[in-house]
């Protein structure tokens, strides 16, 4: 299965952190835990914009 990546926009960890209003470390934790899919380029990660949008729209479970 071939996927056309020409229309996929990738964001840096810093860009995702700014969009989500969290720290860079929080984004790294989400990537390493598998909550946020990412592609690794050398020593840096790139996150698809669609994955960020999905993560933002996912409801937070009620704790307590």
PDB file of N, CA and C in Angstrom:
ATOM      1  N   UNK A   1       0.846  -1.168   0.000  1.00  0.00           N
ATOM      2  CA  UNK A   1       0.000   0.000   0.000  1.00  0.00           C
ATOM      3  C   UNK A   1       0.897   1.239   0.000  1.00  0.00           C
ATOM      4  N   UNK A   2       0.760   2.047  -1.003  1.00  0.00           N
ATOM      5  CA  UNK A   2       1.547   3.267  -1.126  1.00  0.00           C
ATOM      6  C   UNK A   2       0.706   4.458  -0.692  1.00  0.00           C
ATOM      7  N   UNK A   3       1.298   5.328   0.093  1.00  0.00           N
ATOM      8  CA  UNK A   3       0.586   6.500   0.585  1.00  0.00           C
ATOM      9  C   UNK A   3       1.280   7.754   0.086  1.00  0.00           C
ATOM     10  N   UNK A   4       0.512   8.674  -0.455  1.00  0.00           N
ATOM     11  CA  UNK A   4       1.066   9.918  -0.967  1.00  0.00           C
ATOM     12  C   UNK A   4       1.323  10.866   0.198  1.00  0.00           C
ATOM     13  N   UNK A   5       2.581  11.178   0.437  1.00  0.00           N
ATOM     14  CA  UNK A   5       2.946  12.044   1.558  1.00  0.00           C
ATOM     15  C   UNK A   5       3.068  13.506   1.155  1.00  0.00           C
ATOM     16  N   UNK A   6       2.772  13.818  -0.090  1.00  0.00           N
ATOM     17  CA  UNK A   6       2.919  15.198  -0.538  1.00  0.00           C
ATOM     18  C   UNK A   6       1.929  16.142   0.135  1.00  0.00           C
ATOM     19  N   UNK A   7       0.799  15.608   0.620  1.00  0.00           N
ATOM     20  CA  UNK A   7      -0.189  16.469   1.259  1.00  0.00           C
ATOM     21  C   UNK A   7      -0.143  16.391   2.789  1.00  0.00           C
ATOM     22  N   UNK A   8       0.810  15.640   3.346  1.00  0.00           N
ATOM     23  CA  UNK A   8       0.949  15.529   4.798  1.00  0.00           C
ATOM     24  C   UNK A   8       1.882  16.625   5.280  1.00  0.00           C
ATOM     25  N   UNK A   9       1.447  17.347   6.308  1.00  0.00           N
ATOM     26  CA  UNK A   9       2.282  18.397   6.896  1.00  0.00           C
ATOM     27  C   UNK A   9       2.831  17.888   8.218  1.00  0.00           C
ATOM     28  N   UNK A  10       4.142  17.953   8.360  1.00  0.00           N
ATOM     29  CA  UNK A  10       4.790  17.500   9.585  1.00  0.00           C
ATOM     30  C   UNK A  10       5.196  18.695  10.431  1.00  0.00           C
ATOM     31  N   UNK A  11       5.045  18.552  11.743  1.00  0.00           N
ATOM     32  CA  UNK A  11       5.356  19.618  12.689  1.00  0.00           C
ATOM     33  C   UNK A  11       6.507  19.182  13.595  1.00  0.00           C
ATOM     34  N   UNK A  12       7.261  20.139  14.072  1.00  0.00           N
ATOM     35  CA  UNK A  12       8.326  19.852  15.036  1.00  0.00           C
ATOM     36  C   UNK A  12       7.716  19.708  16.425  1.00  0.00           C
ATOM     37  N   UNK A  13       8.500  19.179  17.334  1.00  0.00           N
ATOM     38  CA  UNK A  13       8.053  19.035  18.724  1.00  0.00           C
ATOM     39  C   UNK A  13       7.705  20.405  19.305  1.00  0.00           C
ATOM     40  N   UNK A  14       8.518  21.410  19.022  1.00  0.00           N
ATOM     41  CA  UNK A  14       8.267  22.761  19.539  1.00  0.00           C
ATOM     42  C   UNK A  14       6.956  23.326  18.991  1.00  0.00           C
ATOM     43  N   UNK A  15       6.673  23.087  17.712  1.00  0.00           N
ATOM     44  CA  UNK A  15       5.423  23.575  17.117  1.00  0.00           C
ATOM     45  C   UNK A  15       4.212  22.891  17.743  1.00  0.00           C
ATOM     46  N   UNK A  16       4.330  21.579  17.968  1.00  0.00           N
ATOM     47  CA  UNK A  16       3.231  20.840  18.598  1.00  0.00           C
ATOM     48  C   UNK A  16       3.016  21.334  20.030  1.00  0.00           C
ATOM     49  N   UNK A  17       4.111  21.529  20.764  1.00  0.00           N
ATOM     50  CA  UNK A  17       4.010  22.011  22.144  1.00  0.00           C
ATOM     51  C   UNK A  17       3.313  23.367  22.191  1.00  0.00           C
ATOM     52  N   UNK A  18       3.640  24.233  21.258  1.00  0.00           N
ATOM     53  CA  UNK A  18       3.009  25.553  21.215  1.00  0.00           C
ATOM     54  C   UNK A  18       1.514  25.438  20.892  1.00  0.00           C
ATOM     55  N   UNK A  19       1.169  24.582  19.943  1.00  0.00           N
ATOM     56  CA  UNK A  19      -0.241  24.393  19.574  1.00  0.00           C
ATOM     57  C   UNK A  19      -1.057  23.844  20.734  1.00  0.00           C
ATOM     58  N   UNK A  20      -0.463  22.897  21.466  1.00  0.00           N
ATOM     59  CA  UNK A  20      -1.180  22.233  22.556  1.00  0.00           C
ATOM     60  C   UNK A  20      -1.021  22.968  23.885  1.00  0.00           C
ATOM     61  N   UNK A  21      -0.165  23.984  23.898  1.00  0.00           N
ATOM     62  CA  UNK A  21       0.124  24.757  25.115  1.00  0.00           C
ATOM     63  C   UNK A  21       0.629  23.871  26.250  1.00  0.00           C
ATOM     64  N   UNK A  22       1.606  23.035  25.881  1.00  0.00           N
ATOM     65  CA  UNK A  22       2.289  22.179  26.851  1.00  0.00           C
ATOM     66  C   UNK A  22       3.786  22.336  26.625  1.00  0.00           C
ATOM     67  N   UNK A  23       4.593  21.707  27.457  1.00  0.00           N
ATOM     68  CA  UNK A  23       6.043  21.792  27.294  1.00  0.00           C
ATOM     69  C   UNK A  23       6.524  20.812  26.225  1.00  0.00           C
ATOM     70  N   UNK A  24       7.734  21.059  25.742  1.00  0.00           N
ATOM     71  CA  UNK A  24       8.342  20.132  24.786  1.00  0.00           C
ATOM     72  C   UNK A  24       8.451  18.736  25.388  1.00  0.00           C
ATOM     73  N   UNK A  25       8.791  18.667  26.671  1.00  0.00           N
ATOM     74  CA  UNK A  25       8.946  17.370  27.331  1.00  0.00           C
ATOM     75  C   UNK A  25       7.636  16.585  27.333  1.00  0.00           C
ATOM     76  N   UNK A  26       6.511  17.265  27.482  1.00  0.00           N
ATOM     77  CA  UNK A  26       5.218  16.594  27.442  1.00  0.00           C
ATOM     78  C   UNK A  26       4.980  15.970  26.072  1.00  0.00           C
ATOM     79  N   UNK A  27       5.350  16.679  25.026  1.00  0.00           N
ATOM     80  CA  UNK A  27       5.205  16.142  23.667  1.00  0.00           C
ATOM     81  C   UNK A  27       6.116  14.934  23.499  1.00  0.00           C
ATOM     82  N   UNK A  28       7.366  15.022  23.965  1.00  0.00           N
ATOM     83  CA  UNK A  28       8.273  13.876  23.881  1.00  0.00           C
ATOM     84  C   UNK A  28       7.696  12.674  24.628  1.00  0.00           C
ATOM     85  N   UNK A  29       7.106  12.895  25.790  1.00  0.00           N
ATOM     86  CA  UNK A  29       6.504  11.801  26.555  1.00  0.00           C
ATOM     87  C   UNK A  29       5.356  11.161  25.774  1.00  0.00           C
ATOM     88  N   UNK A  30       4.538  12.000  25.132  1.00  0.00           N
ATOM     89  CA  UNK A  30       3.424  11.486  24.335  1.00  0.00           C
ATOM     90  C   UNK A  30       3.931  10.659  23.151  1.00  0.00           C
ATOM     91  N   UNK A  31       5.006  11.108  22.535  1.00  0.00           N
ATOM     92  CA  UNK A  31       5.584  10.371  21.407  1.00  0.00           C
ATOM     93  C   UNK A  31       6.137   9.029  21.884  1.00  0.00           C
ATOM     94  N   UNK A  32       6.905   9.044  22.968  1.00  0.00           N
ATOM     95  CA  UNK A  32       7.527   7.817  23.463  1.00  0.00           C
ATOM     96  C   UNK A  32       6.517   6.824  24.012  1.00  0.00           C
ATOM     97  N   UNK A  33       5.397   7.300  24.540  1.00  0.00           N
ATOM     98  CA  UNK A  33       4.370   6.401  25.068  1.00  0.00           C
ATOM     99  C   UNK A  33       3.463   5.859  23.971  1.00  0.00           C
ATOM    100  N   UNK A  34       3.545   6.449  22.773  1.00  0.00           N
ATOM    101  CA  UNK A  34       2.706   5.991  21.674  1.00  0.00           C
ATOM    102  C   UNK A  34       1.387   6.733  21.560  1.00  0.00           C
ATOM    103  N   UNK A  35       1.160   7.708  22.434  1.00  0.00           N
ATOM    104  CA  UNK A  35      -0.077   8.495  22.381  1.00  0.00           C
ATOM    105  C   UNK A  35      -0.106   9.436  21.186  1.00  0.00           C
ATOM    106  N   UNK A  36       1.059   9.776  20.675  1.00  0.00           N
ATOM    107  CA  UNK A  36       1.180  10.689  19.546  1.00  0.00           C
ATOM    108  C   UNK A  36       2.158  10.074  18.543  1.00  0.00           C
ATOM    109  N   UNK A  37       1.662   9.669  17.369  1.00  0.00           N
ATOM    110  CA  UNK A  37       2.567   9.059  16.390  1.00  0.00           C
ATOM    111  C   UNK A  37       3.562  10.086  15.844  1.00  0.00           C
ATOM    112  N   UNK A  38       4.770   9.630  15.574  1.00  0.00           N
ATOM    113  CA  UNK A  38       5.806  10.529  15.068  1.00  0.00           C
ATOM    114  C   UNK A  38       6.769   9.756  14.193  1.00  0.00           C
ATOM    115  N   UNK A  39       7.473  10.493  13.360  1.00  0.00           N
ATOM    116  CA  UNK A  39       8.518   9.942  12.510  1.00  0.00           C
ATOM    117  C   UNK A  39       9.833  10.520  12.997  1.00  0.00           C
ATOM    118  N   UNK A  40      10.834   9.684  13.089  1.00  0.00           N
ATOM    119  CA  UNK A  40      12.130  10.154  13.565  1.00  0.00           C
ATOM    120  C   UNK A  40      13.044  10.443  12.377  1.00  0.00           C
ATOM    121  N   UNK A  41      13.605  11.649  12.362  1.00  0.00           N
ATOM    122  CA  UNK A  41      14.579  12.055  11.360  1.00  0.00           C
ATOM    123  C   UNK A  41      15.871  12.368  12.094  1.00  0.00           C
ATOM    124  N   UNK A  42      16.824  11.464  12.034  1.00  0.00           N
ATOM    125  CA  UNK A  42      18.065  11.659  12.782  1.00  0.00           C
ATOM    126  C   UNK A  42      17.773  11.648  14.266  1.00  0.00           C
ATOM    127  N   UNK A  43      18.055  12.762  14.917  1.00  0.00           N
ATOM    128  CA  UNK A  43      17.807  12.856  16.364  1.00  0.00           C
ATOM    129  C   UNK A  43      16.539  13.630  16.696  1.00  0.00           C
ATOM    130  N   UNK A  44      15.784  14.032  15.696  1.00  0.00           N
ATOM    131  CA  UNK A  44      14.572  14.814  15.955  1.00  0.00           C
ATOM    132  C   UNK A  44      13.332  14.060  15.486  1.00  0.00           C
ATOM    133  N   UNK A  45      12.193  14.476  16.003  1.00  0.00           N
ATOM    134  CA  UNK A  45      10.922  13.875  15.647  1.00  0.00           C
ATOM    135  C   UNK A  45      10.090  14.860  14.847  1.00  0.00           C
ATOM    136  N   UNK A  46       9.260  14.328  13.964  1.00  0.00           N
ATOM    137  CA  UNK A  46       8.272  15.125  13.237  1.00  0.00           C
ATOM    138  C   UNK A  46       6.934  14.435  13.425  1.00  0.00           C
ATOM    139  N   UNK A  47       5.929  15.231  13.757  1.00  0.00           N
ATOM    140  CA  UNK A  47       4.605  14.715  14.057  1.00  0.00           C
ATOM    141  C   UNK A  47       3.643  15.173  12.968  1.00  0.00           C
ATOM    142  N   UNK A  48       2.859  14.250  12.396  1.00  0.00           N
ATOM    143  CA  UNK A  48       1.881  14.667  11.388  1.00  0.00           C
ATOM    144  C   UNK A  48       0.837  15.604  11.999  1.00  0.00           C
ATOM    145  N   UNK A  49       0.510  16.659  11.287  1.00  0.00           N
ATOM    146  CA  UNK A  49      -0.464  17.630  11.776  1.00  0.00           C
ATOM    147  C   UNK A  49      -1.806  16.971  12.056  1.00  0.00           C
ATOM    148  N   UNK A  50      -2.176  15.982  11.262  1.00  0.00           N
ATOM    149  CA  UNK A  50      -3.448  15.284  11.462  1.00  0.00           C
ATOM    150  C   UNK A  50      -3.467  14.537  12.801  1.00  0.00           C
ATOM    151  N   UNK A  51      -2.319  14.021  13.236  1.00  0.00           N
ATOM    152  CA  UNK A  51      -2.238  13.329  14.526  1.00  0.00           C
ATOM    153  C   UNK A  51      -2.414  14.309  15.677  1.00  0.00           C
ATOM    154  N   UNK A  52      -1.895  15.510  15.525  1.00  0.00           N
ATOM    155  CA  UNK A  52      -2.057  16.542  16.555  1.00  0.00           C
ATOM    156  C   UNK A  52      -3.528  16.943  16.651  1.00  0.00           C
ATOM    157  N   UNK A  53      -4.165  17.136  15.506  1.00  0.00           N
ATOM    158  CA  UNK A  53      -5.584  17.503  15.489  1.00  0.00           C
ATOM    159  C   UNK A  53      -6.423  16.417  16.149  1.00  0.00           C
ATOM    160  N   UNK A  54      -6.109  15.147  15.881  1.00  0.00           N
ATOM    161  CA  UNK A  54      -6.842  14.044  16.490  1.00  0.00           C
ATOM    162  C   UNK A  54      -6.628  14.014  18.001  1.00  0.00           C
ATOM    163  N   UNK A  55      -5.399  14.260  18.445  1.00  0.00           N
ATOM    164  CA  UNK A  55      -5.105  14.257  19.877  1.00  0.00           C
ATOM    165  C   UNK A  55      -5.829  15.393  20.602  1.00  0.00           C
ATOM    166  N   UNK A  56      -5.935  16.530  19.954  1.00  0.00           N
ATOM    167  CA  UNK A  56      -6.605  17.671  20.569  1.00  0.00           C
ATOM    168  C   UNK A  56      -8.101  17.417  20.681  1.00  0.00           C
ATOM    169  N   UNK A  57      -8.677  16.733  19.701  1.00  0.00           N
ATOM    170  CA  UNK A  57     -10.110  16.489  19.693  1.00  0.00           C
ATOM    171  C   UNK A  57     -10.542  15.321  20.556  1.00  0.00           C
ATOM    172  N   UNK A  58      -9.593  14.486  20.998  1.00  0.00           N
ATOM    173  CA  UNK A  58      -9.914  13.349  21.839  1.00  0.00           C
ATOM    174  C   UNK A  58     -10.326  13.836  23.228  1.00  0.00           C
ATOM    175  N   UNK A  59     -11.516  13.425  23.681  1.00  0.00           N
ATOM    176  CA  UNK A  59     -11.953  13.885  25.004  1.00  0.00           C
ATOM    177  C   UNK A  59     -11.087  13.314  26.123  1.00  0.00           C
ATOM    178  N   UNK A  60     -10.919  14.095  27.143  1.00  0.00           N
ATOM    179  CA  UNK A  60     -10.147  13.689  28.314  1.00  0.00           C
ATOM    180  C   UNK A  60     -11.081  12.927  29.248  1.00  0.00           C
ATOM    181  N   UNK A  61     -10.652  11.773  29.720  1.00  0.00           N
ATOM    182  CA  UNK A  61     -11.494  10.990  30.618  1.00  0.00           C
ATOM    183  C   UNK A  61     -11.593  11.686  31.972  1.00  0.00           C
ATOM    184  N   UNK A  62     -12.712  11.503  32.613  1.00  0.00           N
ATOM    185  CA  UNK A  62     -12.963  12.125  33.917  1.00  0.00           C
ATOM    186  C   UNK A  62     -12.188  11.378  34.979  1.00  0.00           C
ATOM    187  N   UNK A  63     -11.290  12.074  35.646  1.00  0.00           N
ATOM    188  CA  UNK A  63     -10.461  11.459  36.684  1.00  0.00           C
ATOM    189  C   UNK A  63     -11.056  11.803  38.038  1.00  0.00           C
ATOM    190  N   UNK A  64     -11.237  10.772  38.846  1.00  0.00           N
ATOM    191  CA  UNK A  64     -11.712  11.025  40.195  1.00  0.00           C
ATOM    192  C   UNK A  64     -12.975  10.443  40.457  1.00  0.00           C
TER     193      UNK A  64
END
